[in-house]
Amino acid sequence: MADLDHQTRIELEAAAFRGLVEHLRKRTDVQNIDLMNLAGFCRNCLSKWYAAAAKERGVALSDEDARIAVYGMPYSEWKQKHQKDATPEQQQKFEDTKPLHAEISGHR
């Protein structure tokens, strides 16, 4: 890996995060349960990591504001517009892969 100074590394990581968030906002066809089943994390996990990072730095950020930062809208609105009911197969895969999921409260 290139020798990066601390600030450059932070800026690159922030740019990668913004790219991931933008990609997930565009891919509303990809359901959170699919992300959990394939990657072990979802948009909700990402928003919880964002909120945890804010808390670690003493920044007041509600869970809803963290979700808006990831979803680009209130979570309730995103669910209404884009979330579909999980199929029995998706639910079963979720249960089968639970040990591989990111350790985020609310998913275990």
N, C-alpha and C. Protein backbone atom coordinates (compact mmCIF):
# COMPACT_ATOMS: atom_id res chain seq x y z
N MET A 1 0.85 -1.18 0.00
CA MET A 1 0.00 0.00 0.00
C MET A 1 0.89 1.24 0.00
N ALA A 2 0.46 2.22 -0.71
CA ALA A 2 1.23 3.46 -0.78
C ALA A 2 1.35 4.07 0.61
N ASP A 3 2.44 4.78 0.81
CA ASP A 3 2.61 5.50 2.07
C ASP A 3 1.70 6.72 2.06
N LEU A 4 0.61 6.60 2.79
CA LEU A 4 -0.36 7.69 2.86
C LEU A 4 -0.25 8.38 4.21
N ASP A 5 -0.33 9.69 4.18
CA ASP A 5 -0.40 10.39 5.45
C ASP A 5 -1.80 10.19 6.03
N HIS A 6 -1.93 10.41 7.30
CA HIS A 6 -3.17 10.16 8.03
C HIS A 6 -4.36 10.88 7.40
N GLN A 7 -4.21 12.15 7.08
CA GLN A 7 -5.31 12.94 6.53
C GLN A 7 -5.74 12.42 5.17
N THR A 8 -4.78 12.06 4.33
CA THR A 8 -5.12 11.53 3.00
C THR A 8 -5.87 10.21 3.14
N ARG A 9 -5.42 9.35 4.04
CA ARG A 9 -6.11 8.08 4.26
C ARG A 9 -7.55 8.31 4.69
N ILE A 10 -7.76 9.24 5.62
CA ILE A 10 -9.12 9.56 6.08
C ILE A 10 -9.97 10.08 4.92
N GLU A 11 -9.41 10.94 4.10
CA GLU A 11 -10.15 11.49 2.97
C GLU A 11 -10.52 10.40 1.96
N LEU A 12 -9.61 9.48 1.70
CA LEU A 12 -9.90 8.37 0.79
C LEU A 12 -10.97 7.46 1.36
N GLU A 13 -10.88 7.16 2.64
CA GLU A 13 -11.90 6.32 3.28
C GLU A 13 -13.26 7.00 3.25
N ALA A 14 -13.29 8.30 3.50
CA ALA A 14 -14.55 9.05 3.45
C ALA A 14 -15.13 9.04 2.04
N ALA A 15 -14.29 9.18 1.04
CA ALA A 15 -14.76 9.15 -0.34
C ALA A 15 -15.32 7.77 -0.69
N ALA A 16 -14.66 6.72 -0.22
CA ALA A 16 -15.15 5.36 -0.46
C ALA A 16 -16.50 5.16 0.22
N PHE A 17 -16.65 5.65 1.45
CA PHE A 17 -17.93 5.57 2.16
C PHE A 17 -19.03 6.28 1.38
N ARG A 18 -18.73 7.49 0.92
CA ARG A 18 -19.73 8.24 0.16
C ARG A 18 -20.10 7.51 -1.12
N GLY A 19 -19.13 6.89 -1.76
CA GLY A 19 -19.41 6.11 -2.97
C GLY A 19 -20.30 4.92 -2.67
N LEU A 20 -20.04 4.22 -1.57
CA LEU A 20 -20.87 3.08 -1.17
C LEU A 20 -22.29 3.54 -0.88
N VAL A 21 -22.43 4.61 -0.13
CA VAL A 21 -23.77 5.12 0.20
C VAL A 21 -24.52 5.52 -1.07
N GLU A 22 -23.86 6.21 -1.97
CA GLU A 22 -24.51 6.62 -3.22
C GLU A 22 -24.93 5.40 -4.03
N HIS A 23 -24.08 4.41 -4.08
CA HIS A 23 -24.41 3.18 -4.82
C HIS A 23 -25.63 2.50 -4.19
N LEU A 24 -25.67 2.39 -2.88
CA LEU A 24 -26.80 1.75 -2.21
C LEU A 24 -28.09 2.56 -2.38
N ARG A 25 -27.99 3.87 -2.45
CA ARG A 25 -29.18 4.69 -2.69
C ARG A 25 -29.74 4.44 -4.07
N LYS A 26 -28.86 4.23 -5.05
CA LYS A 26 -29.32 3.97 -6.42
C LYS A 26 -29.88 2.56 -6.57
N ARG A 27 -29.36 1.62 -5.81
CA ARG A 27 -29.76 0.22 -5.96
C ARG A 27 -30.88 -0.14 -5.00
N THR A 28 -31.99 0.56 -5.14
CA THR A 28 -33.14 0.29 -4.27
C THR A 28 -33.74 -1.08 -4.55
N ASP A 29 -33.37 -1.69 -5.69
CA ASP A 29 -33.84 -3.04 -6.00
C ASP A 29 -33.18 -4.08 -5.11
N VAL A 30 -32.04 -3.75 -4.53
CA VAL A 30 -31.34 -4.68 -3.64
C VAL A 30 -31.89 -4.49 -2.23
N GLN A 31 -32.53 -5.51 -1.73
CA GLN A 31 -33.15 -5.46 -0.41
C GLN A 31 -32.11 -5.64 0.69
N ASN A 32 -32.38 -5.08 1.86
CA ASN A 32 -31.47 -5.23 2.99
C ASN A 32 -31.24 -6.70 3.34
N ILE A 33 -32.28 -7.52 3.27
CA ILE A 33 -32.11 -8.92 3.63
C ILE A 33 -31.15 -9.60 2.64
N ASP A 34 -31.18 -9.18 1.37
CA ASP A 34 -30.23 -9.73 0.40
C ASP A 34 -28.80 -9.34 0.76
N LEU A 35 -28.62 -8.08 1.15
CA LEU A 35 -27.30 -7.63 1.58
C LEU A 35 -26.82 -8.43 2.80
N MET A 36 -27.72 -8.60 3.77
CA MET A 36 -27.36 -9.37 4.96
C MET A 36 -26.99 -10.80 4.60
N ASN A 37 -27.78 -11.41 3.73
CA ASN A 37 -27.54 -12.80 3.37
C ASN A 37 -26.25 -12.99 2.58
N LEU A 38 -25.89 -12.02 1.77
CA LEU A 38 -24.69 -12.16 0.95
C LEU A 38 -23.44 -11.57 1.59
N ALA A 39 -23.60 -10.44 2.25
CA ALA A 39 -22.42 -9.73 2.75
C ALA A 39 -22.34 -9.66 4.27
N GLY A 40 -23.43 -9.98 4.96
CA GLY A 40 -23.41 -9.94 6.41
C GLY A 40 -23.62 -8.56 7.01
N PHE A 41 -23.99 -7.59 6.17
CA PHE A 41 -24.34 -6.26 6.65
C PHE A 41 -25.33 -5.66 5.67
N CYS A 42 -26.02 -4.60 6.12
CA CYS A 42 -27.00 -3.94 5.26
C CYS A 42 -26.95 -2.43 5.50
N ARG A 43 -27.88 -1.73 4.90
CA ARG A 43 -27.95 -0.28 5.07
C ARG A 43 -28.14 0.10 6.54
N ASN A 44 -28.95 -0.67 7.25
CA ASN A 44 -29.16 -0.36 8.67
C ASN A 44 -27.87 -0.52 9.46
N CYS A 45 -27.09 -1.55 9.15
CA CYS A 45 -25.79 -1.73 9.81
C CYS A 45 -24.90 -0.52 9.55
N LEU A 46 -24.86 -0.10 8.29
CA LEU A 46 -24.04 1.03 7.92
C LEU A 46 -24.45 2.28 8.68
N SER A 47 -25.75 2.49 8.82
CA SER A 47 -26.21 3.67 9.56
C SER A 47 -25.86 3.56 11.05
N LYS A 48 -25.89 2.35 11.59
CA LYS A 48 -25.52 2.16 13.00
C LYS A 48 -24.03 2.38 13.20
N TRP A 49 -23.20 1.97 12.25
CA TRP A 49 -21.77 2.24 12.34
C TRP A 49 -21.51 3.74 12.27
N TYR A 50 -22.27 4.42 11.43
CA TYR A 50 -22.16 5.87 11.29
C TYR A 50 -22.52 6.56 12.61
N ALA A 51 -23.62 6.14 13.20
CA ALA A 51 -24.05 6.72 14.49
C ALA A 51 -23.04 6.42 15.59
N ALA A 52 -22.49 5.21 15.59
CA ALA A 52 -21.49 4.84 16.60
C ALA A 52 -20.23 5.70 16.46
N ALA A 53 -19.83 5.96 15.22
CA ALA A 53 -18.66 6.81 14.99
C ALA A 53 -18.92 8.23 15.50
N ALA A 54 -20.12 8.73 15.27
CA ALA A 54 -20.48 10.06 15.78
C ALA A 54 -20.42 10.08 17.30
N LYS A 55 -20.98 9.06 17.92
CA LYS A 55 -21.01 8.99 19.39
C LYS A 55 -19.59 8.94 19.95
N GLU A 56 -18.72 8.16 19.32
CA GLU A 56 -17.33 8.06 19.77
C GLU A 56 -16.63 9.42 19.76
N ARG A 57 -17.08 10.28 18.87
CA ARG A 57 -16.46 11.60 18.73
C ARG A 57 -17.24 12.69 19.47
N GLY A 58 -18.24 12.29 20.23
CA GLY A 58 -19.02 13.25 20.99
C GLY A 58 -19.98 14.07 20.16
N VAL A 59 -20.33 13.57 18.98
CA VAL A 59 -21.25 14.27 18.08
C VAL A 59 -22.65 13.71 18.30
N ALA A 60 -23.59 14.58 18.61
CA ALA A 60 -24.98 14.15 18.80
C ALA A 60 -25.60 13.85 17.44
N LEU A 61 -26.02 12.61 17.26
CA LEU A 61 -26.64 12.19 16.01
C LEU A 61 -27.66 11.12 16.35
N SER A 62 -28.92 11.39 16.03
CA SER A 62 -29.96 10.41 16.33
C SER A 62 -29.85 9.23 15.36
N ASP A 63 -30.45 8.11 15.75
CA ASP A 63 -30.49 6.95 14.86
C ASP A 63 -31.18 7.31 13.55
N GLU A 64 -32.25 8.08 13.63
CA GLU A 64 -32.98 8.47 12.41
C GLU A 64 -32.12 9.34 11.51
N ASP A 65 -31.37 10.27 12.09
CA ASP A 65 -30.49 11.10 11.27
C ASP A 65 -29.38 10.27 10.62
N ALA A 66 -28.89 9.27 11.33
CA ALA A 66 -27.89 8.37 10.75
C ALA A 66 -28.49 7.58 9.59
N ARG A 67 -29.71 7.14 9.74
CA ARG A 67 -30.37 6.42 8.65
C ARG A 67 -30.61 7.33 7.45
N ILE A 68 -30.99 8.57 7.70
CA ILE A 68 -31.17 9.52 6.60
C ILE A 68 -29.85 9.73 5.87
N ALA A 69 -28.74 9.75 6.60
CA ALA A 69 -27.42 9.90 5.97
C ALA A 69 -27.13 8.75 5.02
N VAL A 70 -27.62 7.56 5.33
CA VAL A 70 -27.38 6.39 4.49
C VAL A 70 -28.46 6.22 3.44
N TYR A 71 -29.72 6.30 3.84
CA TYR A 71 -30.83 6.06 2.91
C TYR A 71 -31.15 7.26 2.02
N GLY A 72 -30.78 8.47 2.46
CA GLY A 72 -31.11 9.67 1.70
C GLY A 72 -32.52 10.15 1.94
N MET A 73 -33.20 9.54 2.90
CA MET A 73 -34.58 9.89 3.25
C MET A 73 -34.89 9.21 4.57
N PRO A 74 -35.97 9.57 5.23
CA PRO A 74 -36.34 8.84 6.45
C PRO A 74 -36.54 7.35 6.15
N TYR A 75 -36.14 6.52 7.08
CA TYR A 75 -36.22 5.07 6.90
C TYR A 75 -37.65 4.63 6.60
N SER A 76 -38.62 5.21 7.29
CA SER A 76 -40.02 4.82 7.06
C SER A 76 -40.43 5.08 5.61
N GLU A 77 -39.94 6.17 5.05
CA GLU A 77 -40.26 6.49 3.66
C GLU A 77 -39.58 5.49 2.71
N TRP A 78 -38.32 5.15 2.98
CA TRP A 78 -37.61 4.19 2.15
C TRP A 78 -38.32 2.83 2.18
N LYS A 79 -38.71 2.41 3.38
CA LYS A 79 -39.41 1.12 3.50
C LYS A 79 -40.70 1.14 2.67
N GLN A 80 -41.45 2.21 2.77
CA GLN A 80 -42.71 2.31 2.04
C GLN A 80 -42.49 2.27 0.53
N LYS A 81 -41.45 2.95 0.06
CA LYS A 81 -41.19 3.04 -1.38
C LYS A 81 -40.50 1.81 -1.95
N HIS A 82 -39.60 1.18 -1.16
CA HIS A 82 -38.70 0.20 -1.76
C HIS A 82 -38.66 -1.18 -1.11
N GLN A 83 -39.03 -1.29 0.15
CA GLN A 83 -38.86 -2.58 0.83
C GLN A 83 -39.99 -3.54 0.50
N LYS A 84 -39.61 -4.76 0.17
CA LYS A 84 -40.57 -5.82 -0.10
C LYS A 84 -40.53 -6.82 1.04
N ASP A 85 -41.60 -7.58 1.20
CA ASP A 85 -41.61 -8.64 2.20
C ASP A 85 -40.58 -9.69 1.84
N ALA A 86 -39.87 -10.17 2.84
CA ALA A 86 -38.89 -11.22 2.61
C ALA A 86 -39.60 -12.53 2.31
N THR A 87 -39.02 -13.27 1.40
CA THR A 87 -39.57 -14.58 1.07
C THR A 87 -39.17 -15.57 2.16
N PRO A 88 -39.86 -16.70 2.26
CA PRO A 88 -39.43 -17.72 3.22
C PRO A 88 -37.99 -18.17 2.98
N GLU A 89 -37.58 -18.23 1.72
CA GLU A 89 -36.20 -18.62 1.40
C GLU A 89 -35.20 -17.57 1.91
N GLN A 90 -35.52 -16.29 1.73
CA GLN A 90 -34.64 -15.23 2.24
C GLN A 90 -34.55 -15.29 3.76
N GLN A 91 -35.68 -15.50 4.41
CA GLN A 91 -35.70 -15.59 5.87
C GLN A 91 -34.85 -16.77 6.35
N GLN A 92 -34.97 -17.91 5.67
CA GLN A 92 -34.21 -19.09 6.07
C GLN A 92 -32.71 -18.86 5.87
N LYS A 93 -32.34 -18.26 4.75
CA LYS A 93 -30.91 -17.97 4.52
C LYS A 93 -30.40 -17.00 5.57
N PHE A 94 -31.21 -16.02 5.94
CA PHE A 94 -30.83 -15.08 6.98
C PHE A 94 -30.52 -15.83 8.27
N GLU A 95 -31.39 -16.75 8.65
CA GLU A 95 -31.18 -17.54 9.87
C GLU A 95 -29.94 -18.42 9.74
N ASP A 96 -29.76 -19.02 8.57
CA ASP A 96 -28.62 -19.91 8.35
C ASP A 96 -27.29 -19.19 8.38
N THR A 97 -27.29 -17.93 7.96
CA THR A 97 -26.02 -17.17 7.89
C THR A 97 -25.83 -16.21 9.06
N LYS A 98 -26.70 -16.25 10.03
CA LYS A 98 -26.62 -15.32 11.17
C LYS A 98 -25.23 -15.26 11.82
N PRO A 99 -24.56 -16.40 11.99
CA PRO A 99 -23.23 -16.30 12.62
C PRO A 99 -22.22 -15.48 11.82
N LEU A 100 -22.48 -15.26 10.55
CA LEU A 100 -21.57 -14.51 9.69
C LEU A 100 -21.91 -13.03 9.59
N HIS A 101 -23.03 -12.61 10.18
CA HIS A 101 -23.49 -11.23 10.07
C HIS A 101 -22.65 -10.32 10.97
N ALA A 102 -22.55 -9.08 10.54
CA ALA A 102 -21.85 -8.07 11.35
C ALA A 102 -22.52 -7.99 12.71
N GLU A 103 -21.72 -7.83 13.72
CA GLU A 103 -22.28 -7.74 15.08
C GLU A 103 -22.80 -6.33 15.34
N ILE A 104 -24.04 -6.14 14.97
CA ILE A 104 -24.71 -4.86 15.13
C ILE A 104 -25.98 -5.13 15.93
N SER A 105 -26.22 -4.35 16.96
CA SER A 105 -27.44 -4.57 17.74
C SER A 105 -28.65 -4.42 16.84
N GLY A 106 -29.65 -5.23 17.08
CA GLY A 106 -30.87 -5.21 16.29
C GLY A 106 -30.90 -6.28 15.23
N HIS A 107 -29.76 -6.89 14.92
CA HIS A 107 -29.73 -7.97 13.93
C HIS A 107 -29.50 -9.32 14.57
N ARG A 108 -29.25 -9.36 15.85
CA ARG A 108 -29.02 -10.65 16.52
C ARG A 108 -30.03 -10.84 17.60
